[in-house]
Amino acid sequence: MGVYLALFLIIIMTYPVIKYNKNLYLIINSICIFIVMALRNSSVGADTIPYKNFFESTNLQNLPSNFINWLAPLHSQRFETGFMLYNKILYSINPNFQYELIITSFNMN
């Protein structure tokens, strides 16, 4: 909770920067949000642990062979096939879940 309070205070304290340079204000706050999202623990958040379990098991699952099945969730799971492919690519680069958090946070910002 303290991290989120500090993030909120940084946003308020940097608000006067917006008068001089809006892009600088956006960059400062985006970096702060990125740091919180990317470097969090895997136990933070209600859905982070299921995403971690899914990430660690992506190398065991096969992708569907026909294109029609790419549009629906794989094997009636809650994860789409595109997300599974994204996880497979990230897992093949580095099997550490923190790496996925960093890359996904970078994509979100």
PDB file of N, CA and C in Angstrom:
ATOM      1  N   MET A   1       0.824  -1.189   0.000  1.00  0.00           N
ATOM      2  CA  MET A   1       0.000   0.000   0.000  1.00  0.00           C
ATOM      3  C   MET A   1       0.868   1.252   0.000  1.00  0.00           C
ATOM      4  N   GLY A   2       2.003   1.178   0.675  1.00  0.00           N
ATOM      5  CA  GLY A   2       2.905   2.326   0.730  1.00  0.00           C
ATOM      6  C   GLY A   2       3.445   2.704  -0.640  1.00  0.00           C
ATOM      7  N   VAL A   3       3.667   1.693  -1.494  1.00  0.00           N
ATOM      8  CA  VAL A   3       4.177   1.958  -2.843  1.00  0.00           C
ATOM      9  C   VAL A   3       3.145   2.734  -3.651  1.00  0.00           C
ATOM     10  N   TYR A   4       1.877   2.359  -3.523  1.00  0.00           N
ATOM     11  CA  TYR A   4       0.834   3.048  -4.264  1.00  0.00           C
ATOM     12  C   TYR A   4       0.614   4.455  -3.737  1.00  0.00           C
ATOM     13  N   LEU A   5       0.770   4.648  -2.459  1.00  0.00           N
ATOM     14  CA  LEU A   5       0.676   5.984  -1.877  1.00  0.00           C
ATOM     15  C   LEU A   5       1.833   6.850  -2.372  1.00  0.00           C
ATOM     16  N   ALA A   6       3.042   6.279  -2.429  1.00  0.00           N
ATOM     17  CA  ALA A   6       4.193   7.013  -2.954  1.00  0.00           C
ATOM     18  C   ALA A   6       3.998   7.360  -4.429  1.00  0.00           C
ATOM     19  N   LEU A   7       3.436   6.445  -5.183  1.00  0.00           N
ATOM     20  CA  LEU A   7       3.151   6.711  -6.595  1.00  0.00           C
ATOM     21  C   LEU A   7       2.154   7.857  -6.740  1.00  0.00           C
ATOM     22  N   PHE A   8       1.129   7.846  -5.916  1.00  0.00           N
ATOM     23  CA  PHE A   8       0.135   8.918  -5.932  1.00  0.00           C
ATOM     24  C   PHE A   8       0.779  10.261  -5.568  1.00  0.00           C
ATOM     25  N   LEU A   9       1.654  10.263  -4.566  1.00  0.00           N
ATOM     26  CA  LEU A   9       2.327  11.498  -4.166  1.00  0.00           C
ATOM     27  C   LEU A   9       3.267  12.009  -5.249  1.00  0.00           C
ATOM     28  N   ILE A  10       3.939  11.120  -5.944  1.00  0.00           N
ATOM     29  CA  ILE A  10       4.820  11.532  -7.043  1.00  0.00           C
ATOM     30  C   ILE A  10       4.011  12.187  -8.152  1.00  0.00           C
ATOM     31  N   ILE A  11       2.859  11.635  -8.453  1.00  0.00           N
ATOM     32  CA  ILE A  11       2.004  12.219  -9.491  1.00  0.00           C
ATOM     33  C   ILE A  11       1.559  13.617  -9.077  1.00  0.00           C
ATOM     34  N   ILE A  12       1.189  13.787  -7.830  1.00  0.00           N
ATOM     35  CA  ILE A  12       0.756  15.109  -7.353  1.00  0.00           C
ATOM     36  C   ILE A  12       1.934  16.085  -7.285  1.00  0.00           C
ATOM     37  N   MET A  13       3.085  15.609  -6.812  1.00  0.00           N
ATOM     38  CA  MET A  13       4.242  16.503  -6.684  1.00  0.00           C
ATOM     39  C   MET A  13       4.785  16.936  -8.040  1.00  0.00           C
ATOM     40  N   THR A  14       4.653  16.122  -9.048  1.00  0.00           N
ATOM     41  CA  THR A  14       5.164  16.491 -10.370  1.00  0.00           C
ATOM     42  C   THR A  14       4.134  17.241 -11.209  1.00  0.00           C
ATOM     43  N   TYR A  15       2.972  17.485 -10.662  1.00  0.00           N
ATOM     44  CA  TYR A  15       1.928  18.177 -11.427  1.00  0.00           C
ATOM     45  C   TYR A  15       2.347  19.572 -11.900  1.00  0.00           C
ATOM     46  N   PRO A  16       3.112  20.363 -11.132  1.00  0.00           N
ATOM     47  CA  PRO A  16       3.535  21.669 -11.663  1.00  0.00           C
ATOM     48  C   PRO A  16       4.389  21.577 -12.927  1.00  0.00           C
ATOM     49  N   VAL A  17       5.005  20.444 -13.174  1.00  0.00           N
ATOM     50  CA  VAL A  17       5.817  20.272 -14.386  1.00  0.00           C
ATOM     51  C   VAL A  17       4.950  20.371 -15.636  1.00  0.00           C
ATOM     52  N   ILE A  18       3.670  20.055 -15.511  1.00  0.00           N
ATOM     53  CA  ILE A  18       2.783  20.041 -16.665  1.00  0.00           C
ATOM     54  C   ILE A  18       2.643  21.431 -17.289  1.00  0.00           C
ATOM     55  N   LYS A  19       2.849  22.482 -16.505  1.00  0.00           N
ATOM     56  CA  LYS A  19       2.776  23.849 -17.037  1.00  0.00           C
ATOM     57  C   LYS A  19       3.920  24.135 -17.994  1.00  0.00           C
ATOM     58  N   TYR A  20       5.070  23.500 -17.740  1.00  0.00           N
ATOM     59  CA  TYR A  20       6.258  23.763 -18.545  1.00  0.00           C
ATOM     60  C   TYR A  20       6.435  22.777 -19.687  1.00  0.00           C
ATOM     61  N   ASN A  21       6.204  21.510 -19.393  1.00  0.00           N
ATOM     62  CA  ASN A  21       6.423  20.496 -20.417  1.00  0.00           C
ATOM     63  C   ASN A  21       5.528  19.282 -20.127  1.00  0.00           C
ATOM     64  N   LYS A  22       4.489  19.123 -20.920  1.00  0.00           N
ATOM     65  CA  LYS A  22       3.550  18.019 -20.717  1.00  0.00           C
ATOM     66  C   LYS A  22       4.199  16.664 -20.973  1.00  0.00           C
ATOM     67  N   ASN A  23       5.102  16.624 -21.944  1.00  0.00           N
ATOM     68  CA  ASN A  23       5.762  15.351 -22.256  1.00  0.00           C
ATOM     69  C   ASN A  23       6.668  14.891 -21.119  1.00  0.00           C
ATOM     70  N   LEU A  24       7.349  15.832 -20.472  1.00  0.00           N
ATOM     71  CA  LEU A  24       8.198  15.480 -19.346  1.00  0.00           C
ATOM     72  C   LEU A  24       7.359  14.922 -18.195  1.00  0.00           C
ATOM     73  N   TYR A  25       6.211  15.533 -17.946  1.00  0.00           N
ATOM     74  CA  TYR A  25       5.292  15.045 -16.914  1.00  0.00           C
ATOM     75  C   TYR A  25       4.834  13.625 -17.230  1.00  0.00           C
ATOM     76  N   LEU A  26       4.498  13.386 -18.489  1.00  0.00           N
ATOM     77  CA  LEU A  26       4.071  12.054 -18.910  1.00  0.00           C
ATOM     78  C   LEU A  26       5.196  11.034 -18.763  1.00  0.00           C
ATOM     79  N   ILE A  27       6.401  11.410 -19.128  1.00  0.00           N
ATOM     80  CA  ILE A  27       7.547  10.498 -19.037  1.00  0.00           C
ATOM     81  C   ILE A  27       7.848  10.147 -17.583  1.00  0.00           C
ATOM     82  N   ILE A  28       7.876  11.145 -16.706  1.00  0.00           N
ATOM     83  CA  ILE A  28       8.172  10.898 -15.284  1.00  0.00           C
ATOM     84  C   ILE A  28       7.157   9.939 -14.685  1.00  0.00           C
ATOM     85  N   ASN A  29       5.890  10.196 -14.922  1.00  0.00           N
ATOM     86  CA  ASN A  29       4.856   9.355 -14.319  1.00  0.00           C
ATOM     87  C   ASN A  29       4.768   7.984 -14.979  1.00  0.00           C
ATOM     88  N   SER A  30       5.045   7.891 -16.268  1.00  0.00           N
ATOM     89  CA  SER A  30       5.062   6.585 -16.933  1.00  0.00           C
ATOM     90  C   SER A  30       6.189   5.710 -16.396  1.00  0.00           C
ATOM     91  N   ILE A  31       7.328   6.309 -16.138  1.00  0.00           N
ATOM     92  CA  ILE A  31       8.445   5.549 -15.579  1.00  0.00           C
ATOM     93  C   ILE A  31       8.099   5.035 -14.188  1.00  0.00           C
ATOM     94  N   CYS A  32       7.453   5.871 -13.381  1.00  0.00           N
ATOM     95  CA  CYS A  32       7.066   5.441 -12.029  1.00  0.00           C
ATOM     96  C   CYS A  32       6.062   4.287 -12.087  1.00  0.00           C
ATOM     97  N   ILE A  33       5.075   4.395 -12.953  1.00  0.00           N
ATOM     98  CA  ILE A  33       4.078   3.329 -13.085  1.00  0.00           C
ATOM     99  C   ILE A  33       4.719   2.057 -13.626  1.00  0.00           C
ATOM    100  N   PHE A  34       5.641   2.206 -14.592  1.00  0.00           N
ATOM    101  CA  PHE A  34       6.349   1.049 -15.141  1.00  0.00           C
ATOM    102  C   PHE A  34       7.127   0.315 -14.052  1.00  0.00           C
ATOM    103  N   ILE A  35       7.823   1.064 -13.210  1.00  0.00           N
ATOM    104  CA  ILE A  35       8.625   0.444 -12.152  1.00  0.00           C
ATOM    105  C   ILE A  35       7.740  -0.356 -11.196  1.00  0.00           C
ATOM    106  N   VAL A  36       6.594   0.223 -10.823  1.00  0.00           N
ATOM    107  CA  VAL A  36       5.690  -0.475  -9.907  1.00  0.00           C
ATOM    108  C   VAL A  36       5.124  -1.734 -10.559  1.00  0.00           C
ATOM    109  N   MET A  37       4.723  -1.638 -11.830  1.00  0.00           N
ATOM    110  CA  MET A  37       4.133  -2.789 -12.513  1.00  0.00           C
ATOM    111  C   MET A  37       5.160  -3.875 -12.810  1.00  0.00           C
ATOM    112  N   ALA A  38       6.353  -3.480 -13.234  1.00  0.00           N
ATOM    113  CA  ALA A  38       7.343  -4.456 -13.691  1.00  0.00           C
ATOM    114  C   ALA A  38       8.086  -5.146 -12.560  1.00  0.00           C
ATOM    115  N   LEU A  39       8.318  -4.453 -11.478  1.00  0.00           N
ATOM    116  CA  LEU A  39       9.144  -5.016 -10.419  1.00  0.00           C
ATOM    117  C   LEU A  39       8.348  -5.508  -9.220  1.00  0.00           C
ATOM    118  N   ARG A  40       7.053  -5.672  -9.400  1.00  0.00           N
ATOM    119  CA  ARG A  40       6.234  -6.179  -8.295  1.00  0.00           C
ATOM    120  C   ARG A  40       6.491  -7.668  -8.083  1.00  0.00           C
ATOM    121  N   ASN A  41       6.098  -8.121  -6.936  1.00  0.00           N
ATOM    122  CA  ASN A  41       6.231  -9.531  -6.597  1.00  0.00           C
ATOM    123  C   ASN A  41       5.094 -10.305  -7.264  1.00  0.00           C
ATOM    124  N   SER A  42       5.277 -11.569  -7.500  1.00  0.00           N
ATOM    125  CA  SER A  42       4.237 -12.363  -8.156  1.00  0.00           C
ATOM    126  C   SER A  42       3.046 -12.619  -7.243  1.00  0.00           C
ATOM    127  N   SER A  43       3.171 -12.319  -5.964  1.00  0.00           N
ATOM    128  CA  SER A  43       2.042 -12.497  -5.050  1.00  0.00           C
ATOM    129  C   SER A  43       1.154 -11.255  -4.976  1.00  0.00           C
ATOM    130  N   VAL A  44       1.545 -10.174  -5.647  1.00  0.00           N
ATOM    131  CA  VAL A  44       0.753  -8.941  -5.646  1.00  0.00           C
ATOM    132  C   VAL A  44      -0.298  -9.035  -6.735  1.00  0.00           C
ATOM    133  N   GLY A  45      -1.539  -8.807  -6.368  1.00  0.00           N
ATOM    134  CA  GLY A  45      -2.633  -8.846  -7.333  1.00  0.00           C
ATOM    135  C   GLY A  45      -3.392 -10.158  -7.263  1.00  0.00           C
ATOM    136  N   ALA A  46      -4.672 -10.070  -7.572  1.00  0.00           N
ATOM    137  CA  ALA A  46      -5.530 -11.256  -7.476  1.00  0.00           C
ATOM    138  C   ALA A  46      -5.275 -12.254  -8.599  1.00  0.00           C
ATOM    139  N   ASP A  47      -4.915 -11.776  -9.792  1.00  0.00           N
ATOM    140  CA  ASP A  47      -4.748 -12.664 -10.939  1.00  0.00           C
ATOM    141  C   ASP A  47      -3.294 -12.989 -11.266  1.00  0.00           C
ATOM    142  N   THR A  48      -2.356 -12.458 -10.535  1.00  0.00           N
ATOM    143  CA  THR A  48      -0.954 -12.651 -10.895  1.00  0.00           C
ATOM    144  C   THR A  48      -0.512 -14.100 -10.739  1.00  0.00           C
ATOM    145  N   ILE A  49      -0.959 -14.768  -9.707  1.00  0.00           N
ATOM    146  CA  ILE A  49      -0.555 -16.168  -9.486  1.00  0.00           C
ATOM    147  C   ILE A  49      -1.098 -17.091 -10.579  1.00  0.00           C
ATOM    148  N   PRO A  50      -2.388 -16.981 -11.011  1.00  0.00           N
ATOM    149  CA  PRO A  50      -2.825 -17.810 -12.144  1.00  0.00           C
ATOM    150  C   PRO A  50      -2.064 -17.510 -13.442  1.00  0.00           C
ATOM    151  N   TYR A  51      -1.720 -16.231 -13.658  1.00  0.00           N
ATOM    152  CA  TYR A  51      -0.926 -15.901 -14.845  1.00  0.00           C
ATOM    153  C   TYR A  51       0.479 -16.484 -14.733  1.00  0.00           C
ATOM    154  N   LYS A  52       1.041 -16.500 -13.539  1.00  0.00           N
ATOM    155  CA  LYS A  52       2.365 -17.095 -13.342  1.00  0.00           C
ATOM    156  C   LYS A  52       2.309 -18.597 -13.589  1.00  0.00           C
ATOM    157  N   ASN A  53       1.287 -19.257 -13.068  1.00  0.00           N
ATOM    158  CA  ASN A  53       1.139 -20.692 -13.297  1.00  0.00           C
ATOM    159  C   ASN A  53       0.963 -21.005 -14.777  1.00  0.00           C
ATOM    160  N   PHE A  54       0.181 -20.176 -15.463  1.00  0.00           N
ATOM    161  CA  PHE A  54      -0.005 -20.373 -16.901  1.00  0.00           C
ATOM    162  C   PHE A  54       1.298 -20.157 -17.650  1.00  0.00           C
ATOM    163  N   PHE A  55       2.051 -19.124 -17.276  1.00  0.00           N
ATOM    164  CA  PHE A  55       3.331 -18.850 -17.932  1.00  0.00           C
ATOM    165  C   PHE A  55       4.296 -20.007 -17.759  1.00  0.00           C
ATOM    166  N   GLU A  56       4.335 -20.569 -16.567  1.00  0.00           N
ATOM    167  CA  GLU A  56       5.268 -21.677 -16.303  1.00  0.00           C
ATOM    168  C   GLU A  56       4.854 -22.971 -16.983  1.00  0.00           C
ATOM    169  N   SER A  57       3.584 -23.093 -17.376  1.00  0.00           N
ATOM    170  CA  SER A  57       3.133 -24.319 -18.034  1.00  0.00           C
ATOM    171  C   SER A  57       2.970 -24.153 -19.544  1.00  0.00           C
ATOM    172  N   THR A  58       3.340 -23.024 -20.117  1.00  0.00           N
ATOM    173  CA  THR A  58       3.139 -22.820 -21.556  1.00  0.00           C
ATOM    174  C   THR A  58       4.005 -23.725 -22.410  1.00  0.00           C
ATOM    175  N   ASN A  59       5.173 -24.115 -21.911  1.00  0.00           N
ATOM    176  CA  ASN A  59       6.018 -24.991 -22.729  1.00  0.00           C
ATOM    177  C   ASN A  59       5.456 -26.404 -22.821  1.00  0.00           C
ATOM    178  N   LEU A  60       4.485 -26.732 -21.963  1.00  0.00           N
ATOM    179  CA  LEU A  60       3.881 -28.070 -21.989  1.00  0.00           C
ATOM    180  C   LEU A  60       2.670 -28.155 -22.912  1.00  0.00           C
ATOM    181  N   GLN A  61       2.134 -27.017 -23.343  1.00  0.00           N
ATOM    182  CA  GLN A  61       0.912 -27.000 -24.152  1.00  0.00           C
ATOM    183  C   GLN A  61       1.250 -26.797 -25.623  1.00  0.00           C
ATOM    184  N   ASN A  62       0.429 -27.405 -26.480  1.00  0.00           N
ATOM    185  CA  ASN A  62       0.622 -27.288 -27.917  1.00  0.00           C
ATOM    186  C   ASN A  62      -0.336 -26.259 -28.491  1.00  0.00           C
ATOM    187  N   LEU A  63       0.112 -25.571 -29.531  1.00  0.00           N
ATOM    188  CA  LEU A  63      -0.745 -24.619 -30.224  1.00  0.00           C
ATOM    189  C   LEU A  63      -1.665 -25.363 -31.179  1.00  0.00           C
ATOM    190  N   PRO A  64      -2.874 -24.844 -31.425  1.00  0.00           N
ATOM    191  CA  PRO A  64      -3.773 -25.513 -32.373  1.00  0.00           C
ATOM    192  C   PRO A  64      -3.220 -25.431 -33.794  1.00  0.00           C
ATOM    193  N   SER A  65      -3.525 -26.444 -34.591  1.00  0.00           N
ATOM    194  CA  SER A  65      -2.969 -26.507 -35.945  1.00  0.00           C
ATOM    195  C   SER A  65      -3.815 -25.773 -36.972  1.00  0.00           C
ATOM    196  N   ASN A  66      -5.119 -25.608 -36.764  1.00  0.00           N
ATOM    197  CA  ASN A  66      -5.933 -24.898 -37.744  1.00  0.00           C
ATOM    198  C   ASN A  66      -6.284 -23.497 -37.243  1.00  0.00           C
ATOM    199  N   PHE A  67      -6.501 -22.592 -38.178  1.00  0.00           N
ATOM    200  CA  PHE A  67      -6.692 -21.181 -37.858  1.00  0.00           C
ATOM    201  C   PHE A  67      -7.993 -20.914 -37.109  1.00  0.00           C
ATOM    202  N   ILE A  68      -9.046 -21.678 -37.363  1.00  0.00           N
ATOM    203  CA  ILE A  68     -10.332 -21.448 -36.699  1.00  0.00           C
ATOM    204  C   ILE A  68     -10.191 -21.567 -35.185  1.00  0.00           C
ATOM    205  N   ASN A  69      -9.386 -22.496 -34.730  1.00  0.00           N
ATOM    206  CA  ASN A  69      -9.203 -22.669 -33.287  1.00  0.00           C
ATOM    207  C   ASN A  69      -8.371 -21.557 -32.653  1.00  0.00           C
ATOM    208  N   TRP A  70      -7.733 -20.716 -33.463  1.00  0.00           N
ATOM    209  CA  TRP A  70      -6.958 -19.603 -32.922  1.00  0.00           C
ATOM    210  C   TRP A  70      -7.882 -18.502 -32.411  1.00  0.00           C
ATOM    211  N   LEU A  71      -9.137 -18.500 -32.849  1.00  0.00           N
ATOM    212  CA  LEU A  71     -10.058 -17.435 -32.469  1.00  0.00           C
ATOM    213  C   LEU A  71     -10.764 -17.708 -31.151  1.00  0.00           C
ATOM    214  N   ALA A  72     -10.702 -18.901 -30.655  1.00  0.00           N
ATOM    215  CA  ALA A  72     -11.386 -19.275 -29.419  1.00  0.00           C
ATOM    216  C   ALA A  72     -10.340 -19.589 -28.348  1.00  0.00           C
ATOM    217  N   PRO A  73     -10.738 -19.543 -27.095  1.00  0.00           N
ATOM    218  CA  PRO A  73      -9.791 -19.951 -26.040  1.00  0.00           C
ATOM    219  C   PRO A  73      -9.351 -21.398 -26.224  1.00  0.00           C
ATOM    220  N   LEU A  74      -8.107 -21.644 -25.911  1.00  0.00           N
ATOM    221  CA  LEU A  74      -7.507 -22.957 -26.132  1.00  0.00           C
ATOM    222  C   LEU A  74      -7.986 -23.957 -25.090  1.00  0.00           C
ATOM    223  N   HIS A  75      -8.493 -25.086 -25.551  1.00  0.00           N
ATOM    224  CA  HIS A  75      -8.948 -26.180 -24.686  1.00  0.00           C
ATOM    225  C   HIS A  75      -9.902 -25.677 -23.600  1.00  0.00           C
ATOM    226  N   SER A  76     -10.822 -24.805 -23.974  1.00  0.00           N
ATOM    227  CA  SER A  76     -11.811 -24.182 -23.076  1.00  0.00           C
ATOM    228  C   SER A  76     -11.189 -23.562 -21.829  1.00  0.00           C
ATOM    229  N   GLN A  77     -10.012 -22.993 -21.984  1.00  0.00           N
ATOM    230  CA  GLN A  77      -9.400 -22.248 -20.898  1.00  0.00           C
ATOM    231  C   GLN A  77      -9.847 -20.800 -20.984  1.00  0.00           C
ATOM    232  N   ARG A  78      -9.460 -19.999 -20.016  1.00  0.00           N
ATOM    233  CA  ARG A  78      -9.812 -18.594 -20.054  1.00  0.00           C
ATOM    234  C   ARG A  78      -8.799 -17.768 -20.831  1.00  0.00           C
ATOM    235  N   PHE A  79      -7.706 -18.392 -21.263  1.00  0.00           N
ATOM    236  CA  PHE A  79      -6.668 -17.692 -22.002  1.00  0.00           C
ATOM    237  C   PHE A  79      -6.815 -17.955 -23.498  1.00  0.00           C
ATOM    238  N   GLU A  80      -6.700 -16.897 -24.297  1.00  0.00           N
ATOM    239  CA  GLU A  80      -6.785 -17.039 -25.745  1.00  0.00           C
ATOM    240  C   GLU A  80      -5.480 -17.602 -26.298  1.00  0.00           C
ATOM    241  N   THR A  81      -5.556 -18.087 -27.523  1.00  0.00           N
ATOM    242  CA  THR A  81      -4.395 -18.702 -28.156  1.00  0.00           C
ATOM    243  C   THR A  81      -3.296 -17.679 -28.407  1.00  0.00           C
ATOM    244  N   GLY A  82      -3.667 -16.459 -28.754  1.00  0.00           N
ATOM    245  CA  GLY A  82      -2.664 -15.413 -28.971  1.00  0.00           C
ATOM    246  C   GLY A  82      -1.874 -15.113 -27.718  1.00  0.00           C
ATOM    247  N   PHE A  83      -2.546 -15.120 -26.579  1.00  0.00           N
ATOM    248  CA  PHE A  83      -1.855 -14.904 -25.316  1.00  0.00           C
ATOM    249  C   PHE A  83      -0.934 -16.072 -24.999  1.00  0.00           C
ATOM    250  N   MET A  84      -1.355 -17.263 -25.377  1.00  0.00           N
ATOM    251  CA  MET A  84      -0.496 -18.432 -25.170  1.00  0.00           C
ATOM    252  C   MET A  84       0.753 -18.344 -26.047  1.00  0.00           C
ATOM    253  N   LEU A  85       0.577 -17.897 -27.293  1.00  0.00           N
ATOM    254  CA  LEU A  85       1.719 -17.722 -28.183  1.00  0.00           C
ATOM    255  C   LEU A  85       2.671 -16.659 -27.628  1.00  0.00           C
ATOM    256  N   TYR A  86       2.117 -15.564 -27.120  1.00  0.00           N
ATOM    257  CA  TYR A  86       2.909 -14.502 -26.488  1.00  0.00           C
ATOM    258  C   TYR A  86       3.723 -15.068 -25.325  1.00  0.00           C
ATOM    259  N   ASN A  87       3.082 -15.881 -24.497  1.00  0.00           N
ATOM    260  CA  ASN A  87       3.780 -16.499 -23.368  1.00  0.00           C
ATOM    261  C   ASN A  87       4.833 -17.491 -23.825  1.00  0.00           C
ATOM    262  N   LYS A  88       4.537 -18.254 -24.888  1.00  0.00           N
ATOM    263  CA  LYS A  88       5.524 -19.215 -25.405  1.00  0.00           C
ATOM    264  C   LYS A  88       6.770 -18.494 -25.910  1.00  0.00           C
ATOM    265  N   ILE A  89       6.578 -17.374 -26.596  1.00  0.00           N
ATOM    266  CA  ILE A  89       7.717 -16.611 -27.106  1.00  0.00           C
ATOM    267  C   ILE A  89       8.553 -16.075 -25.949  1.00  0.00           C
ATOM    268  N   LEU A  90       7.869 -15.473 -24.959  1.00  0.00           N
ATOM    269  CA  LEU A  90       8.603 -14.940 -23.810  1.00  0.00           C
ATOM    270  C   LEU A  90       9.280 -16.046 -23.014  1.00  0.00           C
ATOM    271  N   TYR A  91       8.614 -17.190 -22.880  1.00  0.00           N
ATOM    272  CA  TYR A  91       9.194 -18.312 -22.133  1.00  0.00           C
ATOM    273  C   TYR A  91      10.425 -18.867 -22.861  1.00  0.00           C
ATOM    274  N   SER A  92      10.394 -18.861 -24.189  1.00  0.00           N
ATOM    275  CA  SER A  92      11.543 -19.372 -24.930  1.00  0.00           C
ATOM    276  C   SER A  92      12.742 -18.430 -24.820  1.00  0.00           C
ATOM    277  N   ILE A  93      12.486 -17.144 -24.622  1.00  0.00           N
ATOM    278  CA  ILE A  93      13.579 -16.187 -24.439  1.00  0.00           C
ATOM    279  C   ILE A  93      14.149 -16.288 -23.032  1.00  0.00           C
ATOM    280  N   ASN A  94      13.246 -16.283 -22.052  1.00  0.00           N
ATOM    281  CA  ASN A  94      13.672 -16.360 -20.653  1.00  0.00           C
ATOM    282  C   ASN A  94      12.541 -16.971 -19.834  1.00  0.00           C
ATOM    283  N   PRO A  95      12.755 -18.089 -19.154  1.00  0.00           N
ATOM    284  CA  PRO A  95      11.673 -18.744 -18.413  1.00  0.00           C
ATOM    285  C   PRO A  95      11.338 -18.097 -17.065  1.00  0.00           C
ATOM    286  N   ASN A  96      11.917 -16.953 -16.754  1.00  0.00           N
ATOM    287  CA  ASN A  96      11.641 -16.262 -15.497  1.00  0.00           C
ATOM    288  C   ASN A  96      10.358 -15.431 -15.644  1.00  0.00           C
ATOM    289  N   PHE A  97       9.416 -15.582 -14.713  1.00  0.00           N
ATOM    290  CA  PHE A  97       8.144 -14.861 -14.781  1.00  0.00           C
ATOM    291  C   PHE A  97       8.339 -13.355 -14.632  1.00  0.00           C
ATOM    292  N   GLN A  98       9.374 -12.938 -13.916  1.00  0.00           N
ATOM    293  CA  GLN A  98       9.630 -11.505 -13.757  1.00  0.00           C
ATOM    294  C   GLN A  98       9.912 -10.869 -15.120  1.00  0.00           C
ATOM    295  N   TYR A  99      10.520 -11.615 -16.014  1.00  0.00           N
ATOM    296  CA  TYR A  99      10.776 -11.132 -17.375  1.00  0.00           C
ATOM    297  C   TYR A  99       9.461 -10.825 -18.085  1.00  0.00           C
ATOM    298  N   GLU A 100       8.458 -11.692 -17.920  1.00  0.00           N
ATOM    299  CA  GLU A 100       7.162 -11.426 -18.532  1.00  0.00           C
ATOM    300  C   GLU A 100       6.525 -10.172 -17.950  1.00  0.00           C
ATOM    301  N   LEU A 101       6.638  -9.970 -16.647  1.00  0.00           N
ATOM    302  CA  LEU A 101       6.089  -8.767 -16.042  1.00  0.00           C
ATOM    303  C   LEU A 101       6.748  -7.508 -16.601  1.00  0.00           C
ATOM    304  N   ILE A 102       8.054  -7.560 -16.787  1.00  0.00           N
ATOM    305  CA  ILE A 102       8.773  -6.402 -17.313  1.00  0.00           C
ATOM    306  C   ILE A 102       8.356  -6.108 -18.744  1.00  0.00           C
ATOM    307  N   ILE A 103       8.322  -7.128 -19.594  1.00  0.00           N
ATOM    308  CA  ILE A 103       7.952  -6.937 -21.003  1.00  0.00           C
ATOM    309  C   ILE A 103       6.502  -6.487 -21.126  1.00  0.00           C
ATOM    310  N   THR A 104       5.617  -7.092 -20.379  1.00  0.00           N
ATOM    311  CA  THR A 104       4.204  -6.724 -20.438  1.00  0.00           C
ATOM    312  C   THR A 104       3.986  -5.309 -19.910  1.00  0.00           C
ATOM    313  N   SER A 105       4.694  -4.924 -18.862  1.00  0.00           N
ATOM    314  CA  SER A 105       4.591  -3.555 -18.356  1.00  0.00           C
ATOM    315  C   SER A 105       5.109  -2.557 -19.370  1.00  0.00           C
ATOM    316  N   PHE A 106       6.171  -2.922 -20.067  1.00  0.00           N
ATOM    317  CA  PHE A 106       6.699  -2.046 -21.104  1.00  0.00           C
ATOM    318  C   PHE A 106       5.698  -1.873 -22.236  1.00  0.00           C
ATOM    319  N   ASN A 107       5.014  -2.945 -22.605  1.00  0.00           N
ATOM    320  CA  ASN A 107       3.992  -2.873 -23.655  1.00  0.00           C
ATOM    321  C   ASN A 107       2.776  -2.074 -23.218  1.00  0.00           C
ATOM    322  N   MET A 108       2.439  -2.122 -21.929  1.00  0.00           N
ATOM    323  CA  MET A 108       1.266  -1.404 -21.424  1.00  0.00           C
ATOM    324  C   MET A 108       1.508   0.094 -21.374  1.00  0.00           C
ATOM    325  N   ASN A 109       2.744   0.509 -21.111  1.00  0.00           N
ATOM    326  CA  ASN A 109       3.041   1.928 -21.047  1.00  0.00           C
ATOM    327  C   ASN A 109       3.223   2.448 -22.440  1.00  0.00           C
TER     328      ASN A 109
END
